[in-house]
Amino acid sequence: MGVSSNLSGSIQGKNVSFDVQFPGPRPFTMEFAGTVDGEKISGKSFAKGVEGAGAYLGHGGEVVKPDHPWTASRPPKAQN
């Protein structure tokens, strides 16, 4: 069974931004901001509300630091 998270965001021209809320014993929100270039989006993510310290993910002490790069792309269309 997966865990769902709330998502909210906006698109203005080629700029995209969205927040993802992560629940749990140490809840936090990640803000993603980036730009669209054709079929790809890239940008940086920031842990909100944890100034400079990052967000603890609970995976062996993994901490997401501010200013973490991310990318996304549209998968090719399936051919029938």
PDB file of N, CA and C in Angstrom:
ATOM      1  N   MET A   1       0.846  -1.166   0.000  1.00  0.00           N
ATOM      2  CA  MET A   1       0.000   0.000   0.000  1.00  0.00           C
ATOM      3  C   MET A   1       0.894   1.233   0.000  1.00  0.00           C
ATOM      4  N   GLY A   2       0.654   2.167  -0.922  1.00  0.00           N
ATOM      5  CA  GLY A   2       1.457   3.377  -1.026  1.00  0.00           C
ATOM      6  C   GLY A   2       0.944   4.463  -0.104  1.00  0.00           C
ATOM      7  N   VAL A   3       1.762   5.472   0.060  1.00  0.00           N
ATOM      8  CA  VAL A   3       1.396   6.628   0.862  1.00  0.00           C
ATOM      9  C   VAL A   3       1.130   7.777  -0.086  1.00  0.00           C
ATOM     10  N   SER A   4       0.012   8.452   0.087  1.00  0.00           N
ATOM     11  CA  SER A   4      -0.285   9.588  -0.782  1.00  0.00           C
ATOM     12  C   SER A   4       0.137  10.881  -0.091  1.00  0.00           C
ATOM     13  N   SER A   5       0.468  11.873  -0.911  1.00  0.00           N
ATOM     14  CA  SER A   5       0.872  13.182  -0.411  1.00  0.00           C
ATOM     15  C   SER A   5       0.075  14.248  -1.133  1.00  0.00           C
ATOM     16  N   ASN A   6      -0.204  15.343  -0.455  1.00  0.00           N
ATOM     17  CA  ASN A   6      -0.875  16.472  -1.082  1.00  0.00           C
ATOM     18  C   ASN A   6       0.101  17.184  -2.009  1.00  0.00           C
ATOM     19  N   LEU A   7      -0.428  17.692  -3.129  1.00  0.00           N
ATOM     20  CA  LEU A   7       0.375  18.381  -4.128  1.00  0.00           C
ATOM     21  C   LEU A   7      -0.375  19.626  -4.547  1.00  0.00           C
ATOM     22  N   SER A   8       0.321  20.772  -4.583  1.00  0.00           N
ATOM     23  CA  SER A   8      -0.263  22.006  -5.095  1.00  0.00           C
ATOM     24  C   SER A   8       0.820  22.749  -5.854  1.00  0.00           C
ATOM     25  N   GLY A   9       0.431  23.503  -6.893  1.00  0.00           N
ATOM     26  CA  GLY A   9       1.445  24.204  -7.670  1.00  0.00           C
ATOM     27  C   GLY A   9       0.871  25.155  -8.687  1.00  0.00           C
ATOM     28  N   SER A  10       1.773  25.680  -9.543  1.00  0.00           N
ATOM     29  CA  SER A  10       1.356  26.617 -10.573  1.00  0.00           C
ATOM     30  C   SER A  10       2.296  26.539 -11.773  1.00  0.00           C
ATOM     31  N   ILE A  11       1.784  26.986 -12.914  1.00  0.00           N
ATOM     32  CA  ILE A  11       2.574  27.102 -14.142  1.00  0.00           C
ATOM     33  C   ILE A  11       2.354  28.508 -14.675  1.00  0.00           C
ATOM     34  N   GLN A  12       3.457  29.212 -14.947  1.00  0.00           N
ATOM     35  CA  GLN A  12       3.395  30.541 -15.542  1.00  0.00           C
ATOM     36  C   GLN A  12       4.414  30.580 -16.659  1.00  0.00           C
ATOM     37  N   GLY A  13       3.938  30.575 -17.913  1.00  0.00           N
ATOM     38  CA  GLY A  13       4.849  30.523 -19.045  1.00  0.00           C
ATOM     39  C   GLY A  13       5.638  29.227 -19.003  1.00  0.00           C
ATOM     40  N   LYS A  14       6.963  29.312 -18.976  1.00  0.00           N
ATOM     41  CA  LYS A  14       7.824  28.126 -18.906  1.00  0.00           C
ATOM     42  C   LYS A  14       8.243  27.782 -17.481  1.00  0.00           C
ATOM     43  N   ASN A  15       7.754  28.548 -16.511  1.00  0.00           N
ATOM     44  CA  ASN A  15       8.110  28.317 -15.110  1.00  0.00           C
ATOM     45  C   ASN A  15       7.056  27.451 -14.432  1.00  0.00           C
ATOM     46  N   VAL A  16       7.512  26.457 -13.704  1.00  0.00           N
ATOM     47  CA  VAL A  16       6.623  25.567 -12.969  1.00  0.00           C
ATOM     48  C   VAL A  16       7.087  25.494 -11.515  1.00  0.00           C
ATOM     49  N   SER A  17       6.123  25.449 -10.603  1.00  0.00           N
ATOM     50  CA  SER A  17       6.483  25.262  -9.192  1.00  0.00           C
ATOM     51  C   SER A  17       5.379  24.447  -8.529  1.00  0.00           C
ATOM     52  N   PHE A  18       5.782  23.601  -7.595  1.00  0.00           N
ATOM     53  CA  PHE A  18       4.797  22.816  -6.856  1.00  0.00           C
ATOM     54  C   PHE A  18       5.379  22.404  -5.518  1.00  0.00           C
ATOM     55  N   ASP A  19       4.490  22.200  -4.562  1.00  0.00           N
ATOM     56  CA  ASP A  19       4.851  21.756  -3.215  1.00  0.00           C
ATOM     57  C   ASP A  19       4.306  20.352  -3.008  1.00  0.00           C
ATOM     58  N   VAL A  20       5.094  19.508  -2.367  1.00  0.00           N
ATOM     59  CA  VAL A  20       4.655  18.160  -2.004  1.00  0.00           C
ATOM     60  C   VAL A  20       4.791  18.024  -0.488  1.00  0.00           C
ATOM     61  N   GLN A  21       3.689  17.664   0.165  1.00  0.00           N
ATOM     62  CA  GLN A  21       3.696  17.490   1.617  1.00  0.00           C
ATOM     63  C   GLN A  21       3.950  16.028   1.935  1.00  0.00           C
ATOM     64  N   PHE A  22       4.913  15.776   2.815  1.00  0.00           N
ATOM     65  CA  PHE A  22       5.248  14.427   3.258  1.00  0.00           C
ATOM     66  C   PHE A  22       4.820  14.271   4.708  1.00  0.00           C
ATOM     67  N   PRO A  23       3.848  13.381   4.975  1.00  0.00           N
ATOM     68  CA  PRO A  23       3.360  13.176   6.338  1.00  0.00           C
ATOM     69  C   PRO A  23       4.291  12.246   7.113  1.00  0.00           C
ATOM     70  N   GLY A  24       3.927  11.969   8.310  1.00  0.00           N
ATOM     71  CA  GLY A  24       4.679  11.025   9.125  1.00  0.00           C
ATOM     72  C   GLY A  24       5.084  11.633  10.436  1.00  0.00           C
ATOM     73  N   PRO A  25       5.940  10.927  11.178  1.00  0.00           N
ATOM     74  CA  PRO A  25       6.350  11.418  12.495  1.00  0.00           C
ATOM     75  C   PRO A  25       7.152  12.714  12.413  1.00  0.00           C
ATOM     76  N   ARG A  26       7.817  12.943  11.283  1.00  0.00           N
ATOM     77  CA  ARG A  26       8.574  14.191  11.063  1.00  0.00           C
ATOM     78  C   ARG A  26       8.119  14.800   9.733  1.00  0.00           C
ATOM     79  N   PRO A  27       6.881  15.326   9.679  1.00  0.00           N
ATOM     80  CA  PRO A  27       6.350  15.837   8.419  1.00  0.00           C
ATOM     81  C   PRO A  27       7.149  17.035   7.913  1.00  0.00           C
ATOM     82  N   PHE A  28       7.199  17.166   6.604  1.00  0.00           N
ATOM     83  CA  PHE A  28       7.850  18.318   5.982  1.00  0.00           C
ATOM     84  C   PHE A  28       7.260  18.536   4.602  1.00  0.00           C
ATOM     85  N   THR A  29       7.548  19.681   4.011  1.00  0.00           N
ATOM     86  CA  THR A  29       7.083  20.031   2.670  1.00  0.00           C
ATOM     87  C   THR A  29       8.290  20.329   1.802  1.00  0.00           C
ATOM     88  N   MET A  30       8.289  19.776   0.589  1.00  0.00           N
ATOM     89  CA  MET A  30       9.332  20.079  -0.389  1.00  0.00           C
ATOM     90  C   MET A  30       8.737  20.993  -1.454  1.00  0.00           C
ATOM     91  N   GLU A  31       9.452  22.060  -1.780  1.00  0.00           N
ATOM     92  CA  GLU A  31       9.066  22.962  -2.853  1.00  0.00           C
ATOM     93  C   GLU A  31       9.940  22.652  -4.058  1.00  0.00           C
ATOM     94  N   PHE A  32       9.329  22.441  -5.207  1.00  0.00           N
ATOM     95  CA  PHE A  32      10.032  22.195  -6.461  1.00  0.00           C
ATOM     96  C   PHE A  32       9.792  23.385  -7.378  1.00  0.00           C
ATOM     97  N   ALA A  33      10.854  23.960  -7.928  1.00  0.00           N
ATOM     98  CA  ALA A  33      10.743  25.081  -8.863  1.00  0.00           C
ATOM     99  C   ALA A  33      11.636  24.778 -10.054  1.00  0.00           C
ATOM    100  N   GLY A  34      11.102  25.016 -11.258  1.00  0.00           N
ATOM    101  CA  GLY A  34      11.898  24.708 -12.440  1.00  0.00           C
ATOM    102  C   GLY A  34      11.338  25.349 -13.692  1.00  0.00           C
ATOM    103  N   THR A  35      11.926  24.980 -14.826  1.00  0.00           N
ATOM    104  CA  THR A  35      11.510  25.504 -16.119  1.00  0.00           C
ATOM    105  C   THR A  35      11.274  24.352 -17.091  1.00  0.00           C
ATOM    106  N   VAL A  36      10.332  24.578 -17.991  1.00  0.00           N
ATOM    107  CA  VAL A  36       9.991  23.606 -19.018  1.00  0.00           C
ATOM    108  C   VAL A  36      10.816  23.916 -20.264  1.00  0.00           C
ATOM    109  N   ASP A  37      11.409  22.867 -20.847  1.00  0.00           N
ATOM    110  CA  ASP A  37      12.166  23.001 -22.089  1.00  0.00           C
ATOM    111  C   ASP A  37      11.767  21.829 -22.985  1.00  0.00           C
ATOM    112  N   GLY A  38      10.781  22.049 -23.856  1.00  0.00           N
ATOM    113  CA  GLY A  38      10.296  20.960 -24.704  1.00  0.00           C
ATOM    114  C   GLY A  38       9.604  19.901 -23.878  1.00  0.00           C
ATOM    115  N   GLU A  39      10.132  18.686 -23.906  1.00  0.00           N
ATOM    116  CA  GLU A  39       9.556  17.547 -23.176  1.00  0.00           C
ATOM    117  C   GLU A  39      10.218  17.336 -21.812  1.00  0.00           C
ATOM    118  N   LYS A  40      11.067  18.280 -21.382  1.00  0.00           N
ATOM    119  CA  LYS A  40      11.794  18.117 -20.118  1.00  0.00           C
ATOM    120  C   LYS A  40      11.526  19.289 -19.174  1.00  0.00           C
ATOM    121  N   ILE A  41      11.616  18.989 -17.894  1.00  0.00           N
ATOM    122  CA  ILE A  41      11.529  20.001 -16.843  1.00  0.00           C
ATOM    123  C   ILE A  41      12.737  19.790 -15.943  1.00  0.00           C
ATOM    124  N   SER A  42      13.378  20.868 -15.535  1.00  0.00           N
ATOM    125  CA  SER A  42      14.478  20.748 -14.568  1.00  0.00           C
ATOM    126  C   SER A  42      14.441  21.943 -13.638  1.00  0.00           C
ATOM    127  N   GLY A  43      15.003  21.746 -12.461  1.00  0.00           N
ATOM    128  CA  GLY A  43      15.014  22.821 -11.488  1.00  0.00           C
ATOM    129  C   GLY A  43      15.674  22.397 -10.195  1.00  0.00           C
ATOM    130  N   LYS A  44      15.258  23.039  -9.125  1.00  0.00           N
ATOM    131  CA  LYS A  44      15.816  22.770  -7.802  1.00  0.00           C
ATOM    132  C   LYS A  44      14.669  22.546  -6.827  1.00  0.00           C
ATOM    133  N   SER A  45      14.930  21.755  -5.803  1.00  0.00           N
ATOM    134  CA  SER A  45      13.943  21.544  -4.746  1.00  0.00           C
ATOM    135  C   SER A  45      14.499  22.060  -3.426  1.00  0.00           C
ATOM    136  N   PHE A  46      13.580  22.448  -2.560  1.00  0.00           N
ATOM    137  CA  PHE A  46      13.949  23.040  -1.280  1.00  0.00           C
ATOM    138  C   PHE A  46      13.056  22.466  -0.190  1.00  0.00           C
ATOM    139  N   ALA A  47      13.628  22.082   0.930  1.00  0.00           N
ATOM    140  CA  ALA A  47      12.839  21.668   2.084  1.00  0.00           C
ATOM    141  C   ALA A  47      12.333  22.928   2.760  1.00  0.00           C
ATOM    142  N   LYS A  48      11.017  23.049   2.899  1.00  0.00           N
ATOM    143  CA  LYS A  48      10.428  24.241   3.504  1.00  0.00           C
ATOM    144  C   LYS A  48      10.298  24.056   5.010  1.00  0.00           C
ATOM    145  N   GLY A  49      10.540  25.107   5.745  1.00  0.00           N
ATOM    146  CA  GLY A  49      10.354  25.082   7.180  1.00  0.00           C
ATOM    147  C   GLY A  49      11.473  24.428   7.963  1.00  0.00           C
ATOM    148  N   VAL A  50      12.592  24.126   7.304  1.00  0.00           N
ATOM    149  CA  VAL A  50      13.737  23.515   7.997  1.00  0.00           C
ATOM    150  C   VAL A  50      14.999  24.289   7.608  1.00  0.00           C
ATOM    151  N   GLU A  51      14.967  25.560   7.781  1.00  0.00           N
ATOM    152  CA  GLU A  51      16.009  26.494   7.376  1.00  0.00           C
ATOM    153  C   GLU A  51      17.420  25.933   7.438  1.00  0.00           C
ATOM    154  N   GLY A  52      18.009  25.706   6.261  1.00  0.00           N
ATOM    155  CA  GLY A  52      19.408  25.325   6.162  1.00  0.00           C
ATOM    156  C   GLY A  52      19.749  23.915   6.606  1.00  0.00           C
ATOM    157  N   ALA A  53      18.873  23.296   7.409  1.00  0.00           N
ATOM    158  CA  ALA A  53      19.210  21.986   7.957  1.00  0.00           C
ATOM    159  C   ALA A  53      18.826  20.845   7.036  1.00  0.00           C
ATOM    160  N   GLY A  54      17.864  21.069   6.165  1.00  0.00           N
ATOM    161  CA  GLY A  54      17.377  19.999   5.309  1.00  0.00           C
ATOM    162  C   GLY A  54      16.234  19.258   5.976  1.00  0.00           C
ATOM    163  N   ALA A  55      15.729  18.270   5.287  1.00  0.00           N
ATOM    164  CA  ALA A  55      14.609  17.486   5.790  1.00  0.00           C
ATOM    165  C   ALA A  55      15.065  16.048   5.999  1.00  0.00           C
ATOM    166  N   TYR A  56      14.828  15.515   7.145  1.00  0.00           N
ATOM    167  CA  TYR A  56      15.205  14.145   7.471  1.00  0.00           C
ATOM    168  C   TYR A  56      14.207  13.186   6.843  1.00  0.00           C
ATOM    169  N   LEU A  57      14.659  12.265   6.008  1.00  0.00           N
ATOM    170  CA  LEU A  57      13.771  11.337   5.329  1.00  0.00           C
ATOM    171  C   LEU A  57      13.640  10.006   6.047  1.00  0.00           C
ATOM    172  N   GLY A  58      14.478   9.720   7.016  1.00  0.00           N
ATOM    173  CA  GLY A  58      14.363   8.491   7.775  1.00  0.00           C
ATOM    174  C   GLY A  58      14.946   7.266   7.092  1.00  0.00           C
ATOM    175  N   HIS A  59      15.651   7.439   6.006  1.00  0.00           N
ATOM    176  CA  HIS A  59      16.275   6.324   5.290  1.00  0.00           C
ATOM    177  C   HIS A  59      17.751   6.258   5.664  1.00  0.00           C
ATOM    178  N   GLY A  60      18.067   5.618   6.734  1.00  0.00           N
ATOM    179  CA  GLY A  60      19.464   5.505   7.161  1.00  0.00           C
ATOM    180  C   GLY A  60      20.105   6.847   7.446  1.00  0.00           C
ATOM    181  N   GLY A  61      19.311   7.794   7.944  1.00  0.00           N
ATOM    182  CA  GLY A  61      19.858   9.110   8.269  1.00  0.00           C
ATOM    183  C   GLY A  61      19.910  10.049   7.083  1.00  0.00           C
ATOM    184  N   GLU A  62      19.306   9.678   5.940  1.00  0.00           N
ATOM    185  CA  GLU A  62      19.343  10.520   4.744  1.00  0.00           C
ATOM    186  C   GLU A  62      18.673  11.875   5.010  1.00  0.00           C
ATOM    187  N   VAL A  63      19.354  12.936   4.626  1.00  0.00           N
ATOM    188  CA  VAL A  63      18.832  14.285   4.784  1.00  0.00           C
ATOM    189  C   VAL A  63      18.869  14.972   3.433  1.00  0.00           C
ATOM    190  N   VAL A  64      17.746  15.576   3.032  1.00  0.00           N
ATOM    191  CA  VAL A  64      17.698  16.348   1.795  1.00  0.00           C
ATOM    192  C   VAL A  64      18.102  17.763   2.133  1.00  0.00           C
ATOM    193  N   LYS A  65      19.200  18.203   1.578  1.00  0.00           N
ATOM    194  CA  LYS A  65      19.677  19.557   1.816  1.00  0.00           C
ATOM    195  C   LYS A  65      18.949  20.537   0.900  1.00  0.00           C
ATOM    196  N   PRO A  66      18.962  21.818   1.256  1.00  0.00           N
ATOM    197  CA  PRO A  66      18.355  22.810   0.381  1.00  0.00           C
ATOM    198  C   PRO A  66      19.045  22.813  -0.984  1.00  0.00           C
ATOM    199  N   ASP A  67      18.321  23.277  -1.982  1.00  0.00           N
ATOM    200  CA  ASP A  67      18.897  23.496  -3.311  1.00  0.00           C
ATOM    201  C   ASP A  67      19.311  22.188  -3.983  1.00  0.00           C
ATOM    202  N   HIS A  68      18.443  21.189  -3.941  1.00  0.00           N
ATOM    203  CA  HIS A  68      18.710  19.872  -4.519  1.00  0.00           C
ATOM    204  C   HIS A  68      18.192  19.845  -5.961  1.00  0.00           C
ATOM    205  N   PRO A  69      19.036  19.529  -6.970  1.00  0.00           N
ATOM    206  CA  PRO A  69      18.566  19.528  -8.360  1.00  0.00           C
ATOM    207  C   PRO A  69      17.640  18.350  -8.669  1.00  0.00           C
ATOM    208  N   TRP A  70      16.705  18.548  -9.615  1.00  0.00           N
ATOM    209  CA  TRP A  70      15.810  17.487 -10.060  1.00  0.00           C
ATOM    210  C   TRP A  70      15.506  17.672 -11.544  1.00  0.00           C
ATOM    211  N   THR A  71      15.106  16.590 -12.196  1.00  0.00           N
ATOM    212  CA  THR A  71      14.704  16.628 -13.596  1.00  0.00           C
ATOM    213  C   THR A  71      13.521  15.690 -13.814  1.00  0.00           C
ATOM    214  N   ALA A  72      12.767  15.946 -14.859  1.00  0.00           N
ATOM    215  CA  ALA A  72      11.659  15.080 -15.251  1.00  0.00           C
ATOM    216  C   ALA A  72      11.504  15.181 -16.757  1.00  0.00           C
ATOM    217  N   SER A  73      11.055  14.098 -17.380  1.00  0.00           N
ATOM    218  CA  SER A  73      10.809  14.137 -18.824  1.00  0.00           C
ATOM    219  C   SER A  73       9.591  13.299 -19.156  1.00  0.00           C
ATOM    220  N   ARG A  74       8.952  13.659 -20.242  1.00  0.00           N
ATOM    221  CA  ARG A  74       7.774  12.915 -20.703  1.00  0.00           C
ATOM    222  C   ARG A  74       8.252  11.657 -21.404  1.00  0.00           C
ATOM    223  N   PRO A  75       7.714  10.496 -21.016  1.00  0.00           N
ATOM    224  CA  PRO A  75       8.137   9.261 -21.680  1.00  0.00           C
ATOM    225  C   PRO A  75       7.635   9.242 -23.129  1.00  0.00           C
ATOM    226  N   PRO A  76       8.343   8.533 -24.016  1.00  0.00           N
ATOM    227  CA  PRO A  76       7.870   8.453 -25.392  1.00  0.00           C
ATOM    228  C   PRO A  76       6.511   7.759 -25.464  1.00  0.00           C
ATOM    229  N   LYS A  77       5.721   8.142 -26.463  1.00  0.00           N
ATOM    230  CA  LYS A  77       4.402   7.517 -26.633  1.00  0.00           C
ATOM    231  C   LYS A  77       4.573   6.067 -27.036  1.00  0.00           C
ATOM    232  N   ALA A  78       3.745   5.209 -26.453  1.00  0.00           N
ATOM    233  CA  ALA A  78       3.793   3.788 -26.781  1.00  0.00           C
ATOM    234  C   ALA A  78       3.269   3.560 -28.190  1.00  0.00           C
ATOM    235  N   GLN A  79       3.914   2.695 -28.926  1.00  0.00           N
ATOM    236  CA  GLN A  79       3.485   2.364 -30.283  1.00  0.00           C
ATOM    237  C   GLN A  79       2.671   1.080 -30.231  1.00  0.00           C
ATOM    238  N   ASN A  80       1.515   1.087 -30.874  1.00  0.00           N
ATOM    239  CA  ASN A  80       0.642  -0.105 -30.873  1.00  0.00           C
ATOM    240  C   ASN A  80       0.906  -0.961 -32.064  1.00  0.00           C
TER     241      ASN A  80
END
